[in-house]
Protein backbone atom coordinates (compact mmCIF):
# COMPACT_ATOMS: atom_id res chain seq x y z
CA MET A 1 62.51 174.80 77.39
CA ASN A 2 61.75 171.06 77.29
CA ALA A 3 60.67 171.37 73.67
CA LEU A 4 63.95 173.12 72.85
CA LEU A 5 65.97 170.33 74.49
CA VAL A 6 64.02 167.71 72.55
CA LEU A 7 64.66 169.63 69.30
CA ILE A 8 68.39 169.93 70.03
CA GLY A 9 68.58 166.24 70.91
CA THR A 10 66.74 165.26 67.75
CA LEU A 11 68.97 167.42 65.55
CA GLY A 12 72.07 166.04 67.26
CA PHE A 13 70.93 162.45 66.72
CA ALA A 14 70.11 163.21 63.08
CA GLY A 15 73.56 164.75 62.60
CA LEU A 16 75.26 161.67 64.06
CA ALA A 17 73.17 159.43 61.81
CA VAL A 18 74.14 161.40 58.70
CA TRP A 19 77.82 161.32 59.72
CA TYR A 20 77.62 157.53 60.24
CA PHE A 21 76.11 156.93 56.81
CA VAL A 22 78.74 159.15 55.13
CA VAL A 23 81.86 157.64 56.73
CA THR A 24 80.78 154.00 57.04
CA PRO A 25 81.24 151.53 54.16
CA PRO A 26 77.91 150.64 52.47
CA GLU A 27 78.25 146.94 53.39
CA LYS A 28 78.53 147.78 57.09
CA VAL A 29 75.62 150.24 56.89
CA ALA A 30 73.46 147.52 55.33
CA ARG A 31 74.40 145.06 58.10
CA THR A 32 73.59 147.66 60.77
CA LEU A 33 70.21 148.54 59.26
CA ARG A 34 69.22 144.88 59.25
CA TYR A 35 69.14 145.05 63.06
CA VAL A 36 68.31 148.74 63.65
CA VAL A 37 65.08 148.64 61.64
CA PRO A 38 63.59 145.64 63.55
CA ALA A 39 64.63 147.29 66.84
CA LEU A 40 62.84 150.54 65.94
CA VAL A 41 59.72 148.67 64.80
CA ALA A 42 59.76 146.65 68.05
CA LEU A 43 60.14 149.83 70.12
CA LEU A 44 57.17 151.38 68.35
CA GLY A 45 55.17 148.20 68.97
CA VAL A 46 56.00 148.27 72.68
CA ILE A 47 54.98 151.93 72.95
CA MET A 48 51.70 151.24 71.15
CA THR A 49 50.99 148.26 73.42
CA LEU A 50 51.79 150.11 76.65
CA THR A 51 49.58 153.04 75.65
CA GLY A 52 46.58 150.77 75.13
CA ARG A 53 46.82 150.40 71.34
CA ILE A 54 47.50 146.68 71.38
CA GLY A 55 45.65 146.27 68.08
CA LEU A 56 48.50 148.20 66.43
CA GLY A 57 51.29 147.24 68.80
CA ALA A 58 50.96 143.45 68.54
CA PRO A 59 51.25 143.32 64.72
CA LEU A 60 54.27 145.61 64.89
CA LEU A 61 55.95 143.30 67.40
CA PHE A 62 55.31 140.26 65.20
CA PHE A 63 56.63 142.18 62.18
CA ALA A 64 59.76 143.19 64.12
CA TYR A 65 60.34 139.57 65.10
CA ALA A 66 60.06 138.49 61.46
CA LEU A 67 62.56 141.17 60.38
CA PHE A 68 64.98 140.17 63.12
CA ALA A 69 64.71 136.46 62.25
CA ARG A 70 65.41 137.27 58.60
CA ALA A 71 68.46 139.33 59.59
CA ARG A 72 69.76 136.43 61.68
CA ARG A 73 69.32 134.00 58.78
CA THR A 74 71.16 136.37 56.45
CA ALA A 75 74.02 136.76 58.93
CA SER A 76 74.19 133.00 59.35
CA VAL A 77 74.48 132.49 55.60
CA ARG A 78 77.25 135.07 55.39
CA ALA A 79 79.13 133.44 58.25
CA THR A 80 79.22 129.99 56.64
CA PRO A 81 82.17 128.80 54.50
CA GLY A 82 82.01 129.77 50.86
CA GLN A 83 82.49 133.52 51.18
CA ARG A 84 86.15 133.46 50.21
CA SER A 85 87.63 132.47 46.87
CA THR A 86 91.05 130.89 46.51
CA VAL A 87 93.22 130.97 43.41
CA ARG A 88 96.60 129.24 43.38
CA SER A 89 99.67 129.46 41.19
CA ALA A 90 103.13 127.98 41.56
CA MET A 91 104.30 130.83 43.83
CA LEU A 92 101.13 132.29 45.36
CA GLU A 93 97.85 131.38 47.00
CA MET A 94 95.50 134.35 46.71
CA MET A 95 92.25 134.78 48.67
CA LEU A 96 89.40 137.15 47.75
CA ASP A 97 86.68 138.02 50.27
CA HIS A 98 83.27 138.04 48.56
CA ASP A 99 81.68 140.64 50.83
CA THR A 100 84.43 143.24 51.04
CA GLY A 101 86.46 142.55 47.90
CA GLU A 102 89.63 142.56 50.01
CA MET A 103 92.52 140.40 48.87
CA ASP A 104 95.29 138.66 50.76
CA GLY A 105 97.67 135.90 49.85
CA MET A 106 100.48 133.62 50.93
CA VAL A 107 103.81 133.13 49.22
CA LEU A 108 104.32 129.44 48.49
CA GLY A 109 107.98 129.49 47.49
CA GLY A 110 111.12 131.54 47.05
CA THR A 111 112.69 134.15 49.31
CA PHE A 112 109.41 135.08 51.03
CA GLU A 113 107.97 131.57 51.38
CA GLY A 114 105.28 131.38 54.08
CA ARG A 115 104.76 135.16 54.30
CA GLN A 116 101.31 136.78 54.13
CA LEU A 117 101.12 139.57 51.55
CA ASN A 118 99.26 141.88 53.94
CA GLN A 119 102.18 141.60 56.38
CA MET A 120 104.87 142.45 53.82
CA SER A 121 106.25 145.93 53.25
CA GLU A 122 105.89 147.70 49.91
CA ALA A 123 109.61 147.21 49.22
CA GLU A 124 109.27 143.48 49.88
CA LEU A 125 106.27 143.25 47.59
CA LEU A 126 108.17 144.92 44.75
CA GLU A 127 111.02 142.48 45.32
CA LEU A 128 108.52 139.62 45.19
CA ALA A 129 107.15 141.03 41.92
CA ARG A 130 110.65 140.80 40.41
CA GLU A 131 111.06 137.28 41.79
CA VAL A 132 107.84 135.91 40.22
CA ARG A 133 108.01 137.80 36.93
CA ASP A 134 108.92 134.65 34.95
CA ASP A 135 105.82 132.83 36.24
CA ALA A 136 102.95 134.42 34.32
CA GLU A 137 100.17 133.13 36.60
CA SER A 138 101.91 134.21 39.81
CA ALA A 139 102.86 137.56 38.29
CA GLN A 140 99.27 138.36 37.32
CA LEU A 141 97.90 137.28 40.69
CA LEU A 142 100.39 139.54 42.44
CA GLU A 143 99.61 142.36 40.02
CA ALA A 144 95.92 142.16 40.97
CA TYR A 145 96.86 142.44 44.65
CA LEU A 146 99.31 145.31 44.09
CA ASP A 147 96.76 147.27 42.07
CA ARG A 148 94.47 147.29 45.10
CA ARG A 149 97.03 147.88 47.82
CA MET A 150 99.55 150.11 45.97
CA PRO A 151 97.79 151.80 43.00
CA GLY A 152 101.00 153.58 41.92
CA TRP A 153 103.29 150.58 42.30
CA ARG A 154 104.17 150.47 38.59
CA ASP A 155 105.91 153.82 38.92
CA ASP A 156 108.45 152.16 41.24
CA ALA A 157 108.75 148.94 39.29
CA GLU A 158 111.20 148.25 36.50
CA PRO A 159 109.58 148.66 33.04
CA ASP A 160 110.44 145.08 32.12
CA ASP A 161 108.63 143.82 35.24
CA THR A 162 105.26 145.35 34.38
CA ALA A 163 105.55 144.35 30.73
CA ARG A 164 105.98 140.73 31.71
CA GLN A 165 103.22 140.87 34.28
CA ARG A 166 100.74 142.19 31.77
CA SER A 167 101.31 139.26 29.41
CA THR A 168 98.46 136.76 29.36
CA ALA A 169 98.96 133.77 31.58
CA GLU A 170 98.04 130.34 30.28
CA ALA A 171 96.36 128.60 33.19
CA GLY A 172 96.70 124.87 33.61
CA ALA A 173 93.88 122.35 33.49
CA MET A 174 91.29 123.01 36.19
CA THR A 175 90.11 120.39 38.64
CA GLU A 176 86.66 120.14 40.25
CA GLN A 177 88.07 121.01 43.69
CA GLU A 178 89.90 124.05 42.32
CA ALA A 179 86.77 125.28 40.52
CA TYR A 180 84.76 125.19 43.75
CA GLN A 181 87.58 126.97 45.63
CA ILE A 182 87.80 129.71 43.01
CA LEU A 183 84.06 130.40 43.31
CA GLY A 184 84.20 130.06 47.10
CA LEU A 185 81.66 127.24 47.16
CA GLU A 186 81.36 123.94 48.99
CA PRO A 187 81.61 120.82 46.77
CA GLY A 188 78.22 119.82 45.42
CA ALA A 189 76.81 123.36 45.18
CA ASP A 190 73.82 123.57 42.85
CA LEU A 191 73.56 125.51 39.60
CA ALA A 192 71.87 128.52 41.22
CA ALA A 193 74.69 128.84 43.78
CA ILE A 194 77.32 128.58 41.05
CA ARG A 195 75.73 131.33 38.96
CA LYS A 196 75.17 133.54 42.02
CA ALA A 197 78.80 133.20 43.17
CA HIS A 198 80.02 133.94 39.65
CA ARG A 199 77.93 137.14 39.39
CA SER A 200 79.06 138.31 42.82
CA LEU A 201 82.73 137.75 42.09
CA MET A 202 82.65 139.34 38.65
CA GLN A 203 81.28 142.50 40.24
CA ARG A 204 84.49 142.57 42.30
CA VAL A 205 87.14 141.62 39.75
CA HIS A 206 85.80 142.50 36.29
CA PRO A 207 88.46 144.44 34.32
CA ASP A 208 85.90 147.10 33.33
CA LEU A 209 85.44 147.84 37.05
CA GLY A 210 89.15 148.12 37.76
CA GLY A 211 89.63 144.45 38.52
CA SER A 212 91.98 141.79 37.24
CA SER A 213 91.62 140.19 33.81
CA PHE A 214 93.44 137.08 35.03
CA LEU A 215 91.15 136.59 38.05
CA ALA A 216 88.10 137.23 35.86
CA GLN A 217 89.39 134.61 33.42
CA ARG A 218 89.83 132.02 36.17
CA ILE A 219 86.38 132.78 37.65
CA ASN A 220 84.77 132.35 34.23
CA GLU A 221 86.66 129.10 33.70
CA ALA A 222 85.53 127.80 37.09
CA LYS A 223 81.88 128.61 36.34
CA ASP A 224 82.02 127.00 32.87
CA PHE A 225 83.77 123.92 34.28
CA LEU A 226 81.16 123.36 37.00
CA LEU A 227 78.19 124.04 34.74
CA ARG A 228 79.57 121.58 32.22
CA LEU A 229 80.17 119.05 35.00
CA HIS A 230 76.58 119.39 36.22
CA GLY A 231 75.38 118.88 32.65
CA GLU A 232 77.40 115.70 32.26
CA ARG A 233 76.10 114.27 35.55
CA SER A 234 72.44 115.12 35.03
């Protein structure tokens, strides 16, 4: 009877684990495993130690501590500034989260000045799209956001709106501060950090992966600007 209860409990736990891995985003699963694995190793080490196998238990406890310390360092790095990119135009300030790929933005002028995009209704966003259609940079930034939040938004937009938004925007001259903000880096970041941030962002916004050609263009420009700047200063 006890064996049957253990079997049922094990199968139930396994089922819950499978369900968690299926419904949970991969990024969250990875964060969870960084702490679950050290905890399981530590538990095994404690059991080994308490049952008189300290020769096996002690190394497991040290290994668990090392895994936990590494997880804490990783979490600390992710929590520091530099995990969000900012791209500005005349009408919009758009933010892209490096870890999740989620976008949000603030309207800098016009009817919806001061509003956060995530707090606007779909009707308001379509109205904003019509309002910024003559500003190529703002139009393409908003298009990138709408493609993620409202994949079928073009069906409700006027044909002339989408035609204008798809035109290539000519970005203005980039500054050093803007380049760091676009890559989500602190001023003075080294070459390795610049290249790493660029690779990470391009995986989120590359047009071949369903991203935005305008954002990809600005990210490439920021990387080239900072690499060139480092070359001139070295």
